[in-house]
Structures are given as structure tokens and as C-alpha cells.
PDB file of N, CA and C in Angstrom:
ATOM      1  N   UNK A   1     105.919  79.360  97.977  1.00  0.00           N
ATOM      2  CA  UNK A   1     105.856  80.711  98.356  1.00  0.00           C
ATOM      3  C   UNK A   1     107.277  81.259  98.450  1.00  0.00           C
ATOM      4  N   UNK A   2     107.727  82.023  97.485  1.00  0.00           N
ATOM      5  CA  UNK A   2     109.103  82.466  97.514  1.00  0.00           C
ATOM      6  C   UNK A   2     109.329  83.572  98.477  1.00  0.00           C
ATOM      7  N   UNK A   3     110.458  83.585  99.167  1.00  0.00           N
ATOM      8  CA  UNK A   3     110.874  84.722  99.981  1.00  0.00           C
ATOM      9  C   UNK A   3     111.445  85.706  99.043  1.00  0.00           C
ATOM     10  N   UNK A   4     110.863  86.891  98.981  1.00  0.00           N
ATOM     11  CA  UNK A   4     111.288  87.870  98.027  1.00  0.00           C
ATOM     12  C   UNK A   4     112.172  88.996  98.644  1.00  0.00           C
ATOM     13  N   UNK A   5     112.215  88.990  99.967  1.00  0.00           N
ATOM     14  CA  UNK A   5     113.049  89.973 100.695  1.00  0.00           C
ATOM     15  C   UNK A   5     113.328  89.514 102.111  1.00  0.00           C
ATOM     16  N   UNK A   6     114.570  89.652 102.512  1.00  0.00           N
ATOM     17  CA  UNK A   6     114.971  89.361 103.911  1.00  0.00           C
ATOM     18  C   UNK A   6     115.603  90.651 104.440  1.00  0.00           C
ATOM     19  N   UNK A   7     115.146  91.054 105.590  1.00  0.00           N
ATOM     20  CA  UNK A   7     115.784  92.264 106.244  1.00  0.00           C
ATOM     21  C   UNK A   7     115.501  92.235 107.724  1.00  0.00           C
ATOM     22  N   UNK A   8     116.554  92.515 108.509  1.00  0.00           N
ATOM     23  CA  UNK A   8     116.464  92.667 109.927  1.00  0.00           C
ATOM     24  C   UNK A   8     115.739  91.506 110.648  1.00  0.00           C
ATOM     25  N   UNK A   9     115.941  90.296 110.136  1.00  0.00           N
ATOM     26  CA  UNK A   9     115.280  89.128 110.716  1.00  0.00           C
ATOM     27  C   UNK A   9     113.885  88.842 110.254  1.00  0.00           C
ATOM     28  N   UNK A  10     113.379  89.645 109.320  1.00  0.00           N
ATOM     29  CA  UNK A  10     112.055  89.486 108.727  1.00  0.00           C
ATOM     30  C   UNK A  10     112.149  88.773 107.341  1.00  0.00           C
ATOM     31  N   UNK A  11     111.225  87.947 107.051  1.00  0.00           N
ATOM     32  CA  UNK A  11     111.164  87.323 105.711  1.00  0.00           C
ATOM     33  C   UNK A  11     109.863  87.740 105.067  1.00  0.00           C
ATOM     34  N   UNK A  12     109.947  88.314 103.927  1.00  0.00           N
ATOM     35  CA  UNK A  12     108.783  88.840 103.147  1.00  0.00           C
ATOM     36  C   UNK A  12     108.521  87.851 102.053  1.00  0.00           C
ATOM     37  N   UNK A  13     107.294  87.285 102.007  1.00  0.00           N
ATOM     38  CA  UNK A  13     106.958  86.282 101.041  1.00  0.00           C
ATOM     39  C   UNK A  13     105.716  86.608 100.255  1.00  0.00           C
ATOM     40  N   UNK A  14     105.674  86.080  99.034  1.00  0.00           N
ATOM     41  CA  UNK A  14     104.478  86.196  98.193  1.00  0.00           C
ATOM     42  C   UNK A  14     104.112  84.796  97.774  1.00  0.00           C
ATOM     43  N   UNK A  15     102.861  84.370  98.009  1.00  0.00           N
ATOM     44  CA  UNK A  15     102.363  83.034  97.648  1.00  0.00           C
ATOM     45  C   UNK A  15     102.090  83.017  96.154  1.00  0.00           C
ATOM     46  N   UNK A  16     102.424  81.911  95.487  1.00  0.00           N
ATOM     47  CA  UNK A  16     102.156  81.729  94.075  1.00  0.00           C
ATOM     48  C   UNK A  16     100.664  81.733  93.727  1.00  0.00           C
ATOM     49  N   UNK A  17      99.853  81.120  94.608  1.00  0.00           N
ATOM     50  CA  UNK A  17      98.427  81.024  94.318  1.00  0.00           C
ATOM     51  C   UNK A  17      97.588  81.949  95.124  1.00  0.00           C
ATOM     52  N   UNK A  18      98.123  83.153  95.412  1.00  0.00           N
ATOM     53  CA  UNK A  18      97.404  84.140  96.245  1.00  0.00           C
ATOM     54  C   UNK A  18      96.433  84.967  95.424  1.00  0.00           C
ATOM     55  N   UNK A  19      95.663  85.779  96.074  1.00  0.00           N
ATOM     56  CA  UNK A  19      94.601  86.515  95.516  1.00  0.00           C
ATOM     57  C   UNK A  19      94.859  88.000  95.620  1.00  0.00           C
ATOM     58  N   UNK A  20      94.028  88.786  94.879  1.00  0.00           N
ATOM     59  CA  UNK A  20      94.070  90.211  94.990  1.00  0.00           C
ATOM     60  C   UNK A  20      93.451  90.691  96.314  1.00  0.00           C
ATOM     61  N   UNK A  21      93.803  91.806  96.830  1.00  0.00           N
ATOM     62  CA  UNK A  21      94.707  92.808  96.279  1.00  0.00           C
ATOM     63  C   UNK A  21      96.175  92.369  96.497  1.00  0.00           C
ATOM     64  N   UNK A  22      97.086  92.974  95.761  1.00  0.00           N
ATOM     65  CA  UNK A  22      98.509  92.616  95.905  1.00  0.00           C
ATOM     66  C   UNK A  22      98.879  92.808  97.386  1.00  0.00           C
ATOM     67  N   UNK A  23      99.502  91.804  97.938  1.00  0.00           N
ATOM     68  CA  UNK A  23      99.916  91.845  99.354  1.00  0.00           C
ATOM     69  C   UNK A  23     101.107  90.903  99.587  1.00  0.00           C
ATOM     70  N   UNK A  24     101.687  91.068 100.765  1.00  0.00           N
ATOM     71  CA  UNK A  24     102.817  90.141 101.126  1.00  0.00           C
ATOM     72  C   UNK A  24     102.529  89.642 102.581  1.00  0.00           C
ATOM     73  N   UNK A  25     103.192  88.542 102.878  1.00  0.00           N
ATOM     74  CA  UNK A  25     103.179  87.921 104.177  1.00  0.00           C
ATOM     75  C   UNK A  25     104.561  88.136 104.724  1.00  0.00           C
ATOM     76  N   UNK A  26     104.626  88.735 105.934  1.00  0.00           N
ATOM     77  CA  UNK A  26     105.873  89.048 106.577  1.00  0.00           C
ATOM     78  C   UNK A  26     106.002  88.177 107.836  1.00  0.00           C
ATOM     79  N   UNK A  27     107.085  87.437 107.954  1.00  0.00           N
ATOM     80  CA  UNK A  27     107.308  86.517 109.070  1.00  0.00           C
ATOM     81  C   UNK A  27     108.492  86.900 109.888  1.00  0.00           C
ATOM     82  N   UNK A  28     108.344  86.722 111.186  1.00  0.00           N
ATOM     83  CA  UNK A  28     109.462  86.853 112.099  1.00  0.00           C
ATOM     84  C   UNK A  28     109.143  86.000 113.340  1.00  0.00           C
ATOM     85  N   UNK A  29     110.064  85.181 113.761  1.00  0.00           N
ATOM     86  CA  UNK A  29     109.799  84.297 114.849  1.00  0.00           C
ATOM     87  C   UNK A  29     108.584  83.405 114.543  1.00  0.00           C
ATOM     88  N   UNK A  30     107.657  83.307 115.439  1.00  0.00           N
ATOM     89  CA  UNK A  30     106.488  82.542 115.219  1.00  0.00           C
ATOM     90  C   UNK A  30     105.331  83.307 114.668  1.00  0.00           C
ATOM     91  N   UNK A  31     105.520  84.607 114.459  1.00  0.00           N
ATOM     92  CA  UNK A  31     104.419  85.428 114.010  1.00  0.00           C
ATOM     93  C   UNK A  31     104.454  85.799 112.551  1.00  0.00           C
ATOM     94  N   UNK A  32     103.333  86.384 112.092  1.00  0.00           N
ATOM     95  CA  UNK A  32     103.307  86.867 110.739  1.00  0.00           C
ATOM     96  C   UNK A  32     102.258  87.998 110.610  1.00  0.00           C
ATOM     97  N   UNK A  33     102.428  88.844 109.630  1.00  0.00           N
ATOM     98  CA  UNK A  33     101.471  89.852 109.277  1.00  0.00           C
ATOM     99  C   UNK A  33     101.247  89.782 107.795  1.00  0.00           C
ATOM    100  N   UNK A  34     100.085  90.133 107.425  1.00  0.00           N
ATOM    101  CA  UNK A  34      99.708  90.266 105.977  1.00  0.00           C
ATOM    102  C   UNK A  34      99.526  91.802 105.753  1.00  0.00           C
ATOM    103  N   UNK A  35     100.210  92.268 104.712  1.00  0.00           N
ATOM    104  CA  UNK A  35     100.208  93.714 104.441  1.00  0.00           C
ATOM    105  C   UNK A  35      99.895  93.925 102.982  1.00  0.00           C
ATOM    106  N   UNK A  36      98.823  94.731 102.714  1.00  0.00           N
ATOM    107  CA  UNK A  36      98.486  95.165 101.393  1.00  0.00           C
ATOM    108  C   UNK A  36      99.576  96.070 100.888  1.00  0.00           C
ATOM    109  N   UNK A  37      99.939  95.886  99.585  1.00  0.00           N
ATOM    110  CA  UNK A  37     100.998  96.678  99.032  1.00  0.00           C
ATOM    111  C   UNK A  37     100.567  98.073  98.523  1.00  0.00           C
ATOM    112  N   UNK A  38      99.242  98.291  98.491  1.00  0.00           N
ATOM    113  CA  UNK A  38      98.759  99.562  98.005  1.00  0.00           C
ATOM    114  C   UNK A  38      99.088  99.736  96.545  1.00  0.00           C
ATOM    115  N   UNK A  39      99.392 100.943  96.155  1.00  0.00           N
ATOM    116  CA  UNK A  39      99.715 101.238  94.783  1.00  0.00           C
ATOM    117  C   UNK A  39     100.666 102.437  94.702  1.00  0.00           C
ATOM    118  N   UNK A  40     100.883 102.940  93.484  1.00  0.00           N
ATOM    119  CA  UNK A  40     101.807 104.058  93.376  1.00  0.00           C
ATOM    120  C   UNK A  40     101.341 105.280  94.163  1.00  0.00           C
ATOM    121  N   UNK A  41     100.102 105.429  94.418  1.00  0.00           N
ATOM    122  CA  UNK A  41      99.579 106.557  95.170  1.00  0.00           C
ATOM    123  C   UNK A  41      99.014 106.184  96.531  1.00  0.00           C
ATOM    124  N   UNK A  42      99.108 104.902  96.865  1.00  0.00           N
ATOM    125  CA  UNK A  42      98.571 104.408  98.158  1.00  0.00           C
ATOM    126  C   UNK A  42      99.679 103.736  98.997  1.00  0.00           C
ATOM    127  N   UNK A  43      99.644 104.006 100.271  1.00  0.00           N
ATOM    128  CA  UNK A  43     100.641 103.387 101.137  1.00  0.00           C
ATOM    129  C   UNK A  43     100.218 101.977 101.494  1.00  0.00           C
ATOM    130  N   UNK A  44     101.204 101.147 101.806  1.00  0.00           N
ATOM    131  CA  UNK A  44     100.901  99.802 102.330  1.00  0.00           C
ATOM    132  C   UNK A  44     100.088  99.929 103.639  1.00  0.00           C
ATOM    133  N   UNK A  45      99.225  98.926 103.899  1.00  0.00           N
ATOM    134  CA  UNK A  45      98.460  98.916 105.122  1.00  0.00           C
ATOM    135  C   UNK A  45      98.294  97.475 105.661  1.00  0.00           C
ATOM    136  N   UNK A  46      98.147  97.394 106.944  1.00  0.00           N
ATOM    137  CA  UNK A  46      97.971  96.057 107.588  1.00  0.00           C
ATOM    138  C   UNK A  46      96.656  95.464 107.223  1.00  0.00           C
ATOM    139  N   UNK A  47      96.628  94.186 106.957  1.00  0.00           N
ATOM    140  CA  UNK A  47      95.442  93.396 106.706  1.00  0.00           C
ATOM    141  C   UNK A  47      95.128  92.480 107.905  1.00  0.00           C
ATOM    142  N   UNK A  48      96.207  91.798 108.344  1.00  0.00           N
ATOM    143  CA  UNK A  48      96.002  90.797 109.423  1.00  0.00           C
ATOM    144  C   UNK A  48      97.279  90.630 110.224  1.00  0.00           C
ATOM    145  N   UNK A  49      97.131  90.427 111.519  1.00  0.00           N
ATOM    146  CA  UNK A  49      98.284  90.165 112.426  1.00  0.00           C
ATOM    147  C   UNK A  49      98.035  88.864 113.094  1.00  0.00           C
ATOM    148  N   UNK A  50      99.061  88.012 113.159  1.00  0.00           N
ATOM    149  CA  UNK A  50      98.987  86.703 113.842  1.00  0.00           C
ATOM    150  C   UNK A  50     100.218  86.498 114.701  1.00  0.00           C
ATOM    151  N   UNK A  51     100.144  86.692 115.969  1.00  0.00           N
ATOM    152  CA  UNK A  51     101.214  86.344 116.868  1.00  0.00           C
ATOM    153  C   UNK A  51     102.495  87.122 116.764  1.00  0.00           C
ATOM    154  N   UNK A  52     102.371  88.355 116.383  1.00  0.00           N
ATOM    155  CA  UNK A  52     103.590  89.235 116.280  1.00  0.00           C
ATOM    156  C   UNK A  52     103.403  90.408 117.211  1.00  0.00           C
ATOM    157  N   UNK A  53     104.499  90.795 117.849  1.00  0.00           N
ATOM    158  CA  UNK A  53     104.453  91.923 118.776  1.00  0.00           C
ATOM    159  C   UNK A  53     104.193  93.265 118.060  1.00  0.00           C
ATOM    160  N   UNK A  54     103.674  94.214 118.758  1.00  0.00           N
ATOM    161  CA  UNK A  54     103.434  95.542 118.148  1.00  0.00           C
ATOM    162  C   UNK A  54     104.683  96.142 117.576  1.00  0.00           C
ATOM    163  N   UNK A  55     105.839  95.960 118.290  1.00  0.00           N
ATOM    164  CA  UNK A  55     107.074  96.486 117.799  1.00  0.00           C
ATOM    165  C   UNK A  55     107.482  95.850 116.483  1.00  0.00           C
ATOM    166  N   UNK A  56     107.308  94.505 116.323  1.00  0.00           N
ATOM    167  CA  UNK A  56     107.630  93.802 115.091  1.00  0.00           C
ATOM    168  C   UNK A  56     106.609  94.140 113.989  1.00  0.00           C
ATOM    169  N   UNK A  57     105.387  94.351 114.339  1.00  0.00           N
ATOM    170  CA  UNK A  57     104.391  94.735 113.359  1.00  0.00           C
ATOM    171  C   UNK A  57     104.778  96.081 112.759  1.00  0.00           C
ATOM    172  N   UNK A  58     105.136  97.007 113.588  1.00  0.00           N
ATOM    173  CA  UNK A  58     105.561  98.371 113.135  1.00  0.00           C
ATOM    174  C   UNK A  58     106.782  98.272 112.211  1.00  0.00           C
ATOM    175  N   UNK A  59     107.754  97.434 112.593  1.00  0.00           N
ATOM    176  CA  UNK A  59     108.942  97.253 111.770  1.00  0.00           C
ATOM    177  C   UNK A  59     108.616  96.586 110.444  1.00  0.00           C
ATOM    178  N   UNK A  60     107.766  95.583 110.453  1.00  0.00           N
ATOM    179  CA  UNK A  60     107.340  94.891 109.223  1.00  0.00           C
ATOM    180  C   UNK A  60     106.723  95.927 108.287  1.00  0.00           C
ATOM    181  N   UNK A  61     105.840  96.764 108.782  1.00  0.00           N
ATOM    182  CA  UNK A  61     105.131  97.747 107.953  1.00  0.00           C
ATOM    183  C   UNK A  61     106.170  98.767 107.419  1.00  0.00           C
ATOM    184  N   UNK A  62     107.146  99.133 108.256  1.00  0.00           N
ATOM    185  CA  UNK A  62     108.203 100.068 107.799  1.00  0.00           C
ATOM    186  C   UNK A  62     109.018  99.413 106.625  1.00  0.00           C
ATOM    187  N   UNK A  63     109.390  98.130 106.762  1.00  0.00           N
ATOM    188  CA  UNK A  63     110.136  97.441 105.746  1.00  0.00           C
ATOM    189  C   UNK A  63     109.351  97.391 104.403  1.00  0.00           C
ATOM    190  N   UNK A  64     108.098  96.999 104.509  1.00  0.00           N
ATOM    191  CA  UNK A  64     107.265  96.894 103.302  1.00  0.00           C
ATOM    192  C   UNK A  64     107.070  98.272 102.705  1.00  0.00           C
ATOM    193  N   UNK A  65     106.888  99.329 103.443  1.00  0.00           N
ATOM    194  CA  UNK A  65     106.722 100.666 102.944  1.00  0.00           C
ATOM    195  C   UNK A  65     107.989 101.140 102.203  1.00  0.00           C
ATOM    196  N   UNK A  66     109.154 100.843 102.823  1.00  0.00           N
ATOM    197  CA  UNK A  66     110.436 101.148 102.212  1.00  0.00           C
ATOM    198  C   UNK A  66     110.704 100.495 100.911  1.00  0.00           C
ATOM    199  N   UNK A  67     110.180  99.272 100.728  1.00  0.00           N
ATOM    200  CA  UNK A  67     110.407  98.487  99.545  1.00  0.00           C
ATOM    201  C   UNK A  67     109.168  98.257  98.720  1.00  0.00           C
ATOM    202  N   UNK A  68     108.204  99.172  98.875  1.00  0.00           N
ATOM    203  CA  UNK A  68     106.894  99.002  98.286  1.00  0.00           C
ATOM    204  C   UNK A  68     106.933  98.810  96.761  1.00  0.00           C
ATOM    205  N   UNK A  69     107.655  99.606  96.033  1.00  0.00           N
ATOM    206  CA  UNK A  69     107.677  99.529  94.594  1.00  0.00           C
ATOM    207  C   UNK A  69     108.348  98.235  94.140  1.00  0.00           C
ATOM    208  N   UNK A  70     109.398  97.881  94.785  1.00  0.00           N
ATOM    209  CA  UNK A  70     110.104  96.640  94.487  1.00  0.00           C
ATOM    210  C   UNK A  70     109.184  95.442  94.732  1.00  0.00           C
ATOM    211  N   UNK A  71     108.427  95.456  95.795  1.00  0.00           N
ATOM    212  CA  UNK A  71     107.532  94.338  96.127  1.00  0.00           C
ATOM    213  C   UNK A  71     106.328  94.324  95.182  1.00  0.00           C
ATOM    214  N   UNK A  72     105.899  95.442  94.743  1.00  0.00           N
ATOM    215  CA  UNK A  72     104.814  95.468  93.733  1.00  0.00           C
ATOM    216  C   UNK A  72     105.316  94.849  92.397  1.00  0.00           C
ATOM    217  N   UNK A  73     106.543  95.117  92.036  1.00  0.00           N
ATOM    218  CA  UNK A  73     107.140  94.492  90.839  1.00  0.00           C
ATOM    219  C   UNK A  73     107.209  93.007  90.994  1.00  0.00           C
ATOM    220  N   UNK A  74     107.640  92.525  92.149  1.00  0.00           N
ATOM    221  CA  UNK A  74     107.678  91.108  92.397  1.00  0.00           C
ATOM    222  C   UNK A  74     106.311  90.448  92.298  1.00  0.00           C
ATOM    223  N   UNK A  75     105.349  91.129  92.868  1.00  0.00           N
ATOM    224  CA  UNK A  75     103.944  90.629  92.797  1.00  0.00           C
ATOM    225  C   UNK A  75     103.534  90.431  91.348  1.00  0.00           C
ATOM    226  N   UNK A  76     103.853  91.469  90.488  1.00  0.00           N
ATOM    227  CA  UNK A  76     103.492  91.408  89.032  1.00  0.00           C
ATOM    228  C   UNK A  76     104.219  90.288  88.385  1.00  0.00           C
ATOM    229  N   UNK A  77     105.512  90.087  88.696  1.00  0.00           N
ATOM    230  CA  UNK A  77     106.314  88.969  88.096  1.00  0.00           C
ATOM    231  C   UNK A  77     105.671  87.640  88.415  1.00  0.00           C
ATOM    232  N   UNK A  78     105.166  87.461  89.631  1.00  0.00           N
ATOM    233  CA  UNK A  78     104.660  86.175  90.097  1.00  0.00           C
ATOM    234  C   UNK A  78     103.180  85.967  89.565  1.00  0.00           C
ATOM    235  N   UNK A  79     102.408  87.046  89.584  1.00  0.00           N
ATOM    236  CA  UNK A  79     101.002  86.931  89.281  1.00  0.00           C
ATOM    237  C   UNK A  79     100.560  87.501  87.936  1.00  0.00           C
ATOM    238  N   UNK A  80     101.493  88.091  87.222  1.00  0.00           N
ATOM    239  CA  UNK A  80     101.190  88.626  85.903  1.00  0.00           C
ATOM    240  C   UNK A  80     100.436  89.932  85.863  1.00  0.00           C
TER     241      UNK A  80
END
């Protein structure tokens, strides 16, 4: 599972053997969130939260939204 982005203490990863819809796993400390990447006309949205504070969840969603198109490209590179 490569880390495709690091920002503000968060690590954004995409698993090689993951499934649709396109999404990322965002880690900070002992917690993680799974966020759907949406599409060119859809915004990213939360799928699952595990052990992450509300403040960090909001920041993770902000980071993924800010880098949405770049992350969609990475998903396509990894999954075809």
C-alpha cells in the first residue's frame, strides 16, 4: 500500500488490491479514515472512521478534497 501523499502529519494511502469505488485511506496517529474520491463532478466523502478525532477527520477530508484530482490520477495509475 503506497503512501501517495503526506501532509500536515497525515499519510494518504491507496492499497494495490483495493476495490471500487476509488478511495483512499488516511492515517494519523492511531486512527484512520476511508474517503471516497468522488469524481470530476462529485466531492470526496467519508466512508468509514476508525479511532480518529473529529478535528482530524475534518482535516483529512480537507486534504483529500484539496488533492482530489491528483489522488484520482494515482488511483488510475495503480488500478488501471
